[in-house]
Amino acid sequence: MINEEHLAKLSAPIKRIVDEELAAGNVIKETYIGRSDGRIFVFLKFRFTAKYEYDAEYLIIDDRHYWYAEYSDSLCTVACGFDELKAGS
């Protein structure tokens, strides 16, 4: 489920990444807020289309139980799936 309130609360660096990914054709699959720490998660369908140099840490998770990679700061995480975004998708 995608919750617009979650998206409205994203930190500036994570919002920039999400916005740029959407402009490149990526798709939001789900948003979530962690119950224990209030961290906002945005899950994208495809792998990131670019490398970003914003104030967020990049990690490759590469675990099929979770996701391929993520950008995180102290408040939010945007994670991407395993599939490559195909031109014209």
PDB file of N, CA and C in Angstrom:
ATOM      1  N   MET A   1       0.831  -1.169   0.000  1.00  0.00           N
ATOM      2  CA  MET A   1       0.000   0.000   0.000  1.00  0.00           C
ATOM      3  C   MET A   1       0.887   1.248   0.000  1.00  0.00           C
ATOM      4  N   ILE A   2       0.486   2.242  -0.739  1.00  0.00           N
ATOM      5  CA  ILE A   2       1.209   3.507  -0.800  1.00  0.00           C
ATOM      6  C   ILE A   2       0.416   4.535  -0.010  1.00  0.00           C
ATOM      7  N   ASN A   3       1.057   5.120   0.991  1.00  0.00           N
ATOM      8  CA  ASN A   3       0.408   6.107   1.839  1.00  0.00           C
ATOM      9  C   ASN A   3       1.022   7.478   1.533  1.00  0.00           C
ATOM     10  N   GLU A   4       0.215   8.395   1.029  1.00  0.00           N
ATOM     11  CA  GLU A   4       0.692   9.733   0.665  1.00  0.00           C
ATOM     12  C   GLU A   4       1.241  10.488   1.881  1.00  0.00           C
ATOM     13  N   GLU A   5       0.713  10.218   3.070  1.00  0.00           N
ATOM     14  CA  GLU A   5       1.226  10.865   4.278  1.00  0.00           C
ATOM     15  C   GLU A   5       2.667  10.456   4.548  1.00  0.00           C
ATOM     16  N   HIS A   6       2.999   9.208   4.267  1.00  0.00           N
ATOM     17  CA  HIS A   6       4.382   8.765   4.426  1.00  0.00           C
ATOM     18  C   HIS A   6       5.285   9.541   3.478  1.00  0.00           C
ATOM     19  N   LEU A   7       4.864   9.669   2.231  1.00  0.00           N
ATOM     20  CA  LEU A   7       5.666  10.376   1.234  1.00  0.00           C
ATOM     21  C   LEU A   7       5.840  11.847   1.600  1.00  0.00           C
ATOM     22  N   ALA A   8       4.825  12.445   2.188  1.00  0.00           N
ATOM     23  CA  ALA A   8       4.900  13.853   2.576  1.00  0.00           C
ATOM     24  C   ALA A   8       5.888  14.082   3.718  1.00  0.00           C
ATOM     25  N   LYS A   9       6.199  13.053   4.481  1.00  0.00           N
ATOM     26  CA  LYS A   9       7.101  13.169   5.635  1.00  0.00           C
ATOM     27  C   LYS A   9       8.545  12.779   5.321  1.00  0.00           C
ATOM     28  N   LEU A  10       8.865  12.487   4.065  1.00  0.00           N
ATOM     29  CA  LEU A  10      10.229  12.081   3.727  1.00  0.00           C
ATOM     30  C   LEU A  10      11.222  13.212   3.980  1.00  0.00           C
ATOM     31  N   SER A  11      12.421  12.840   4.401  1.00  0.00           N
ATOM     32  CA  SER A  11      13.501  13.809   4.542  1.00  0.00           C
ATOM     33  C   SER A  11      13.871  14.331   3.153  1.00  0.00           C
ATOM     34  N   ALA A  12      14.482  15.494   3.105  1.00  0.00           N
ATOM     35  CA  ALA A  12      14.822  16.120   1.821  1.00  0.00           C
ATOM     36  C   ALA A  12      15.703  15.232   0.931  1.00  0.00           C
ATOM     37  N   PRO A  13      16.794  14.618   1.450  1.00  0.00           N
ATOM     38  CA  PRO A  13      17.621  13.787   0.565  1.00  0.00           C
ATOM     39  C   PRO A  13      16.873  12.575  -0.001  1.00  0.00           C
ATOM     40  N   ILE A  14      16.071  11.923   0.816  1.00  0.00           N
ATOM     41  CA  ILE A  14      15.348  10.738   0.352  1.00  0.00           C
ATOM     42  C   ILE A  14      14.236  11.149  -0.608  1.00  0.00           C
ATOM     43  N   LYS A  15      13.588  12.266  -0.344  1.00  0.00           N
ATOM     44  CA  LYS A  15      12.554  12.756  -1.264  1.00  0.00           C
ATOM     45  C   LYS A  15      13.156  13.059  -2.633  1.00  0.00           C
ATOM     46  N   ARG A  16      14.332  13.651  -2.673  1.00  0.00           N
ATOM     47  CA  ARG A  16      14.987  13.948  -3.959  1.00  0.00           C
ATOM     48  C   ARG A  16      15.262  12.664  -4.726  1.00  0.00           C
ATOM     49  N   ILE A  17      15.736  11.642  -4.028  1.00  0.00           N
ATOM     50  CA  ILE A  17      16.009  10.360  -4.687  1.00  0.00           C
ATOM     51  C   ILE A  17      14.725   9.762  -5.223  1.00  0.00           C
ATOM     52  N   VAL A  18      13.690   9.723  -4.393  1.00  0.00           N
ATOM     53  CA  VAL A  18      12.406   9.159  -4.821  1.00  0.00           C
ATOM     54  C   VAL A  18      11.876   9.930  -6.029  1.00  0.00           C
ATOM     55  N   ASP A  19      11.903  11.253  -5.963  1.00  0.00           N
ATOM     56  CA  ASP A  19      11.400  12.070  -7.075  1.00  0.00           C
ATOM     57  C   ASP A  19      12.173  11.803  -8.361  1.00  0.00           C
ATOM     58  N   GLU A  20      13.487  11.703  -8.272  1.00  0.00           N
ATOM     59  CA  GLU A  20      14.300  11.454  -9.462  1.00  0.00           C
ATOM     60  C   GLU A  20      14.057  10.051 -10.019  1.00  0.00           C
ATOM     61  N   GLU A  21      13.865   9.078  -9.138  1.00  0.00           N
ATOM     62  CA  GLU A  21      13.564   7.717  -9.588  1.00  0.00           C
ATOM     63  C   GLU A  21      12.209   7.659 -10.291  1.00  0.00           C
ATOM     64  N   LEU A  22      11.221   8.335  -9.749  1.00  0.00           N
ATOM     65  CA  LEU A  22       9.906   8.361 -10.385  1.00  0.00           C
ATOM     66  C   LEU A  22       9.988   9.040 -11.756  1.00  0.00           C
ATOM     67  N   ALA A  23      10.744  10.130 -11.848  1.00  0.00           N
ATOM     68  CA  ALA A  23      10.910  10.826 -13.125  1.00  0.00           C
ATOM     69  C   ALA A  23      11.602   9.936 -14.155  1.00  0.00           C
ATOM     70  N   ALA A  24      12.465   9.019 -13.694  1.00  0.00           N
ATOM     71  CA  ALA A  24      13.184   8.108 -14.587  1.00  0.00           C
ATOM     72  C   ALA A  24      12.352   6.878 -14.957  1.00  0.00           C
ATOM     73  N   GLY A  25      11.155   6.747 -14.380  1.00  0.00           N
ATOM     74  CA  GLY A  25      10.280   5.629 -14.717  1.00  0.00           C
ATOM     75  C   GLY A  25      10.143   4.560 -13.661  1.00  0.00           C
ATOM     76  N   ASN A  26      10.845   4.700 -12.538  1.00  0.00           N
ATOM     77  CA  ASN A  26      10.687   3.719 -11.464  1.00  0.00           C
ATOM     78  C   ASN A  26       9.302   3.878 -10.844  1.00  0.00           C
ATOM     79  N   VAL A  27       8.891   2.902 -10.057  1.00  0.00           N
ATOM     80  CA  VAL A  27       7.532   2.846  -9.517  1.00  0.00           C
ATOM     81  C   VAL A  27       7.599   2.548  -8.019  1.00  0.00           C
ATOM     82  N   ILE A  28       6.809   3.253  -7.234  1.00  0.00           N
ATOM     83  CA  ILE A  28       6.692   2.951  -5.805  1.00  0.00           C
ATOM     84  C   ILE A  28       5.778   1.746  -5.645  1.00  0.00           C
ATOM     85  N   LYS A  29       6.272   0.722  -4.959  1.00  0.00           N
ATOM     86  CA  LYS A  29       5.460  -0.464  -4.672  1.00  0.00           C
ATOM     87  C   LYS A  29       4.728  -0.328  -3.347  1.00  0.00           C
ATOM     88  N   GLU A  30       5.396   0.295  -2.364  1.00  0.00           N
ATOM     89  CA  GLU A  30       4.832   0.324  -1.015  1.00  0.00           C
ATOM     90  C   GLU A  30       5.531   1.394  -0.199  1.00  0.00           C
ATOM     91  N   THR A  31       4.819   1.928   0.791  1.00  0.00           N
ATOM     92  CA  THR A  31       5.432   2.760   1.824  1.00  0.00           C
ATOM     93  C   THR A  31       5.092   2.133   3.176  1.00  0.00           C
ATOM     94  N   TYR A  32       5.918   2.438   4.158  1.00  0.00           N
ATOM     95  CA  TYR A  32       5.752   1.801   5.464  1.00  0.00           C
ATOM     96  C   TYR A  32       6.412   2.681   6.508  1.00  0.00           C
ATOM     97  N   ILE A  33       5.840   2.742   7.704  1.00  0.00           N
ATOM     98  CA  ILE A  33       6.495   3.395   8.836  1.00  0.00           C
ATOM     99  C   ILE A  33       6.748   2.337   9.904  1.00  0.00           C
ATOM    100  N   GLY A  34       8.007   2.242  10.326  1.00  0.00           N
ATOM    101  CA  GLY A  34       8.390   1.280  11.352  1.00  0.00           C
ATOM    102  C   GLY A  34       7.715   1.592  12.680  1.00  0.00           C
ATOM    103  N   ARG A  35       7.212   0.577  13.303  1.00  0.00           N
ATOM    104  CA  ARG A  35       6.490   0.766  14.574  1.00  0.00           C
ATOM    105  C   ARG A  35       7.415   1.143  15.716  1.00  0.00           C
ATOM    106  N   SER A  36       8.616   0.574  15.735  1.00  0.00           N
ATOM    107  CA  SER A  36       9.498   0.807  16.878  1.00  0.00           C
ATOM    108  C   SER A  36      10.226   2.145  16.806  1.00  0.00           C
ATOM    109  N   ASP A  37      10.613   2.573  15.600  1.00  0.00           N
ATOM    110  CA  ASP A  37      11.430   3.784  15.506  1.00  0.00           C
ATOM    111  C   ASP A  37      10.832   4.884  14.633  1.00  0.00           C
ATOM    112  N   GLY A  38       9.715   4.640  13.994  1.00  0.00           N
ATOM    113  CA  GLY A  38       9.083   5.644  13.158  1.00  0.00           C
ATOM    114  C   GLY A  38       9.771   5.899  11.830  1.00  0.00           C
ATOM    115  N   ARG A  39      10.735   5.054  11.476  1.00  0.00           N
ATOM    116  CA  ARG A  39      11.450   5.209  10.202  1.00  0.00           C
ATOM    117  C   ARG A  39      10.482   5.012   9.050  1.00  0.00           C
ATOM    118  N   ILE A  40      10.573   5.894   8.063  1.00  0.00           N
ATOM    119  CA  ILE A  40       9.739   5.805   6.879  1.00  0.00           C
ATOM    120  C   ILE A  40      10.500   5.039   5.801  1.00  0.00           C
ATOM    121  N   PHE A  41       9.857   4.022   5.247  1.00  0.00           N
ATOM    122  CA  PHE A  41      10.426   3.223   4.162  1.00  0.00           C
ATOM    123  C   PHE A  41       9.622   3.456   2.890  1.00  0.00           C
ATOM    124  N   VAL A  42      10.323   3.582   1.777  1.00  0.00           N
ATOM    125  CA  VAL A  42       9.706   3.619   0.451  1.00  0.00           C
ATOM    126  C   VAL A  42      10.357   2.493  -0.342  1.00  0.00           C
ATOM    127  N   PHE A  43       9.544   1.606  -0.883  1.00  0.00           N
ATOM    128  CA  PHE A  43      10.040   0.476  -1.655  1.00  0.00           C
ATOM    129  C   PHE A  43       9.749   0.705  -3.132  1.00  0.00           C
ATOM    130  N   LEU A  44      10.801   0.707  -3.941  1.00  0.00           N
ATOM    131  CA  LEU A  44      10.675   0.879  -5.381  1.00  0.00           C
ATOM    132  C   LEU A  44      10.689  -0.472  -6.077  1.00  0.00           C
ATOM    133  N   LYS A  45      10.021  -0.565  -7.198  1.00  0.00           N
ATOM    134  CA  LYS A  45       9.920  -1.824  -7.937  1.00  0.00           C
ATOM    135  C   LYS A  45      11.245  -2.218  -8.593  1.00  0.00           C
ATOM    136  N   PHE A  46      11.929  -1.240  -9.176  1.00  0.00           N
ATOM    137  CA  PHE A  46      13.139  -1.526  -9.953  1.00  0.00           C
ATOM    138  C   PHE A  46      14.396  -1.042  -9.237  1.00  0.00           C
ATOM    139  N   ARG A  47      15.539  -1.504  -9.717  1.00  0.00           N
ATOM    140  CA  ARG A  47      16.816  -1.010  -9.190  1.00  0.00           C
ATOM    141  C   ARG A  47      16.927   0.486  -9.428  1.00  0.00           C
ATOM    142  N   PHE A  48      17.765   1.132  -8.626  1.00  0.00           N
ATOM    143  CA  PHE A  48      18.000   2.560  -8.814  1.00  0.00           C
ATOM    144  C   PHE A  48      18.541   2.799 -10.214  1.00  0.00           C
ATOM    145  N   THR A  49      18.105   3.874 -10.818  1.00  0.00           N
ATOM    146  CA  THR A  49      18.504   4.191 -12.188  1.00  0.00           C
ATOM    147  C   THR A  49      19.782   5.015 -12.234  1.00  0.00           C
ATOM    148  N   ALA A  50      20.234   5.529 -11.079  1.00  0.00           N
ATOM    149  CA  ALA A  50      21.430   6.373 -11.020  1.00  0.00           C
ATOM    150  C   ALA A  50      22.075   6.230  -9.653  1.00  0.00           C
ATOM    151  N   LYS A  51      23.290   6.754  -9.542  1.00  0.00           N
ATOM    152  CA  LYS A  51      23.965   6.876  -8.238  1.00  0.00           C
ATOM    153  C   LYS A  51      23.703   8.287  -7.737  1.00  0.00           C
ATOM    154  N   TYR A  52      23.418   8.423  -6.456  1.00  0.00           N
ATOM    155  CA  TYR A  52      23.079   9.715  -5.885  1.00  0.00           C
ATOM    156  C   TYR A  52      24.109  10.123  -4.843  1.00  0.00           C
ATOM    157  N   GLU A  53      24.436  11.396  -4.833  1.00  0.00           N
ATOM    158  CA  GLU A  53      25.441  11.942  -3.915  1.00  0.00           C
ATOM    159  C   GLU A  53      24.799  12.870  -2.887  1.00  0.00           C
ATOM    160  N   TYR A  54      23.590  12.571  -2.468  1.00  0.00           N
ATOM    161  CA  TYR A  54      22.919  13.384  -1.470  1.00  0.00           C
ATOM    162  C   TYR A  54      23.336  12.897  -0.084  1.00  0.00           C
ATOM    163  N   ASP A  55      22.845  13.564   0.954  1.00  0.00           N
ATOM    164  CA  ASP A  55      23.197  13.188   2.322  1.00  0.00           C
ATOM    165  C   ASP A  55      22.448  11.939   2.748  1.00  0.00           C
ATOM    166  N   ALA A  56      22.809  10.822   2.133  1.00  0.00           N
ATOM    167  CA  ALA A  56      22.208   9.531   2.451  1.00  0.00           C
ATOM    168  C   ALA A  56      23.255   8.453   2.203  1.00  0.00           C
ATOM    169  N   GLU A  57      23.235   7.446   3.029  1.00  0.00           N
ATOM    170  CA  GLU A  57      24.187   6.342   2.907  1.00  0.00           C
ATOM    171  C   GLU A  57      23.639   5.294   1.935  1.00  0.00           C
ATOM    172  N   TYR A  58      24.488   4.858   1.011  1.00  0.00           N
ATOM    173  CA  TYR A  58      24.102   3.834   0.039  1.00  0.00           C
ATOM    174  C   TYR A  58      24.649   2.489   0.488  1.00  0.00           C
ATOM    175  N   LEU A  59      23.799   1.486   0.500  1.00  0.00           N
ATOM    176  CA  LEU A  59      24.213   0.123   0.842  1.00  0.00           C
ATOM    177  C   LEU A  59      23.609  -0.856  -0.157  1.00  0.00           C
ATOM    178  N   ILE A  60      24.411  -1.818  -0.572  1.00  0.00           N
ATOM    179  CA  ILE A  60      23.877  -2.933  -1.357  1.00  0.00           C
ATOM    180  C   ILE A  60      23.530  -4.033  -0.369  1.00  0.00           C
ATOM    181  N   ILE A  61      22.275  -4.400  -0.285  1.00  0.00           N
ATOM    182  CA  ILE A  61      21.798  -5.427   0.635  1.00  0.00           C
ATOM    183  C   ILE A  61      21.854  -6.790  -0.049  1.00  0.00           C
ATOM    184  N   ASP A  62      21.365  -6.862  -1.279  1.00  0.00           N
ATOM    185  CA  ASP A  62      21.404  -8.060  -2.128  1.00  0.00           C
ATOM    186  C   ASP A  62      20.914  -9.315  -1.406  1.00  0.00           C
ATOM    187  N   ASP A  63      19.768  -9.194  -0.773  1.00  0.00           N
ATOM    188  CA  ASP A  63      19.157 -10.309  -0.060  1.00  0.00           C
ATOM    189  C   ASP A  63      17.714 -10.432  -0.562  1.00  0.00           C
ATOM    190  N   ARG A  64      17.397 -11.510  -1.222  1.00  0.00           N
ATOM    191  CA  ARG A  64      16.069 -11.696  -1.821  1.00  0.00           C
ATOM    192  C   ARG A  64      14.940 -11.653  -0.792  1.00  0.00           C
ATOM    193  N   HIS A  65      15.250 -11.845   0.485  1.00  0.00           N
ATOM    194  CA  HIS A  65      14.218 -11.714   1.516  1.00  0.00           C
ATOM    195  C   HIS A  65      13.881 -10.251   1.796  1.00  0.00           C
ATOM    196  N   TYR A  66      14.761  -9.359   1.377  1.00  0.00           N
ATOM    197  CA  TYR A  66      14.572  -7.939   1.662  1.00  0.00           C
ATOM    198  C   TYR A  66      14.543  -7.139   0.354  1.00  0.00           C
ATOM    199  N   TRP A  67      15.683  -6.586  -0.066  1.00  0.00           N
ATOM    200  CA  TRP A  67      15.754  -5.770  -1.272  1.00  0.00           C
ATOM    201  C   TRP A  67      17.180  -5.749  -1.785  1.00  0.00           C
ATOM    202  N   TYR A  68      17.344  -5.147  -2.968  1.00  0.00           N
ATOM    203  CA  TYR A  68      18.670  -5.133  -3.583  1.00  0.00           C
ATOM    204  C   TYR A  68      19.595  -4.088  -2.953  1.00  0.00           C
ATOM    205  N   ALA A  69      19.145  -2.837  -2.883  1.00  0.00           N
ATOM    206  CA  ALA A  69      19.990  -1.764  -2.351  1.00  0.00           C
ATOM    207  C   ALA A  69      19.101  -0.714  -1.700  1.00  0.00           C
ATOM    208  N   GLU A  70      19.763   0.192  -0.946  1.00  0.00           N
ATOM    209  CA  GLU A  70      19.009   1.232  -0.261  1.00  0.00           C
ATOM    210  C   GLU A  70      19.842   2.488  -0.098  1.00  0.00           C
ATOM    211  N   TYR A  71      19.139   3.600   0.026  1.00  0.00           N
ATOM    212  CA  TYR A  71      19.704   4.858   0.499  1.00  0.00           C
ATOM    213  C   TYR A  71      18.989   5.168   1.795  1.00  0.00           C
ATOM    214  N   SER A  72      19.753   5.516   2.837  1.00  0.00           N
ATOM    215  CA  SER A  72      19.159   5.801   4.143  1.00  0.00           C
ATOM    216  C   SER A  72      19.804   7.028   4.760  1.00  0.00           C
ATOM    217  N   ASP A  73      19.010   7.745   5.542  1.00  0.00           N
ATOM    218  CA  ASP A  73      19.539   8.763   6.432  1.00  0.00           C
ATOM    219  C   ASP A  73      18.987   8.455   7.819  1.00  0.00           C
ATOM    220  N   SER A  74      19.045   9.392   8.729  1.00  0.00           N
ATOM    221  CA  SER A  74      18.620   9.097  10.101  1.00  0.00           C
ATOM    222  C   SER A  74      17.112   8.924  10.240  1.00  0.00           C
ATOM    223  N   LEU A  75      16.327   9.347   9.238  1.00  0.00           N
ATOM    224  CA  LEU A  75      14.872   9.309   9.338  1.00  0.00           C
ATOM    225  C   LEU A  75      14.178   8.352   8.379  1.00  0.00           C
ATOM    226  N   CYS A  76      14.788   8.143   7.186  1.00  0.00           N
ATOM    227  CA  CYS A  76      14.073   7.470   6.107  1.00  0.00           C
ATOM    228  C   CYS A  76      14.987   6.525   5.328  1.00  0.00           C
ATOM    229  N   THR A  77      14.347   5.585   4.637  1.00  0.00           N
ATOM    230  CA  THR A  77      15.050   4.659   3.743  1.00  0.00           C
ATOM    231  C   THR A  77      14.243   4.514   2.466  1.00  0.00           C
ATOM    232  N   VAL A  78      14.935   4.569   1.327  1.00  0.00           N
ATOM    233  CA  VAL A  78      14.324   4.198   0.055  1.00  0.00           C
ATOM    234  C   VAL A  78      15.088   2.971  -0.424  1.00  0.00           C
ATOM    235  N   ALA A  79      14.356   1.901  -0.698  1.00  0.00           N
ATOM    236  CA  ALA A  79      14.947   0.629  -1.092  1.00  0.00           C
ATOM    237  C   ALA A  79      14.465   0.257  -2.482  1.00  0.00           C
ATOM    238  N   CYS A  80      15.311  -0.450  -3.222  1.00  0.00           N
ATOM    239  CA  CYS A  80      14.929  -0.830  -4.579  1.00  0.00           C
ATOM    240  C   CYS A  80      14.893  -2.344  -4.725  1.00  0.00           C
ATOM    241  N   GLY A  81      14.071  -2.779  -5.673  1.00  0.00           N
ATOM    242  CA  GLY A  81      13.954  -4.193  -5.983  1.00  0.00           C
ATOM    243  C   GLY A  81      15.139  -4.700  -6.787  1.00  0.00           C
ATOM    244  N   PHE A  82      15.019  -5.903  -7.277  1.00  0.00           N
ATOM    245  CA  PHE A  82      16.108  -6.566  -7.984  1.00  0.00           C
ATOM    246  C   PHE A  82      16.067  -6.386  -9.492  1.00  0.00           C
ATOM    247  N   ASP A  83      14.900  -6.084 -10.046  1.00  0.00           N
ATOM    248  CA  ASP A  83      14.768  -6.000 -11.495  1.00  0.00           C
ATOM    249  C   ASP A  83      15.326  -4.711 -12.054  1.00  0.00           C
ATOM    250  N   GLU A  84      15.962  -4.810 -13.225  1.00  0.00           N
ATOM    251  CA  GLU A  84      16.441  -3.640 -13.939  1.00  0.00           C
ATOM    252  C   GLU A  84      15.264  -2.944 -14.597  1.00  0.00           C
ATOM    253  N   LEU A  85      15.276  -1.636 -14.609  1.00  0.00           N
ATOM    254  CA  LEU A  85      14.266  -0.864 -15.318  1.00  0.00           C
ATOM    255  C   LEU A  85      14.617  -0.896 -16.802  1.00  0.00           C
ATOM    256  N   LYS A  86      13.723  -1.408 -17.596  1.00  0.00           N
ATOM    257  CA  LYS A  86      13.950  -1.501 -19.039  1.00  0.00           C
ATOM    258  C   LYS A  86      13.495  -0.216 -19.703  1.00  0.00           C
ATOM    259  N   ALA A  87      14.213   0.198 -20.725  1.00  0.00           N
ATOM    260  CA  ALA A  87      13.837   1.394 -21.486  1.00  0.00           C
ATOM    261  C   ALA A  87      12.418   1.206 -22.009  1.00  0.00           C
ATOM    262  N   GLY A  88      11.603   2.219 -21.831  1.00  0.00           N
ATOM    263  CA  GLY A  88      10.228   2.156 -22.306  1.00  0.00           C
ATOM    264  C   GLY A  88       9.285   1.416 -21.388  1.00  0.00           C
ATOM    265  N   SER A  89       9.751   0.993 -20.194  1.00  0.00           N
ATOM    266  CA  SER A  89       8.893   0.259 -19.257  1.00  0.00           C
ATOM    267  C   SER A  89       7.863   1.162 -18.636  1.00  0.00           C
TER     268      SER A  89
END
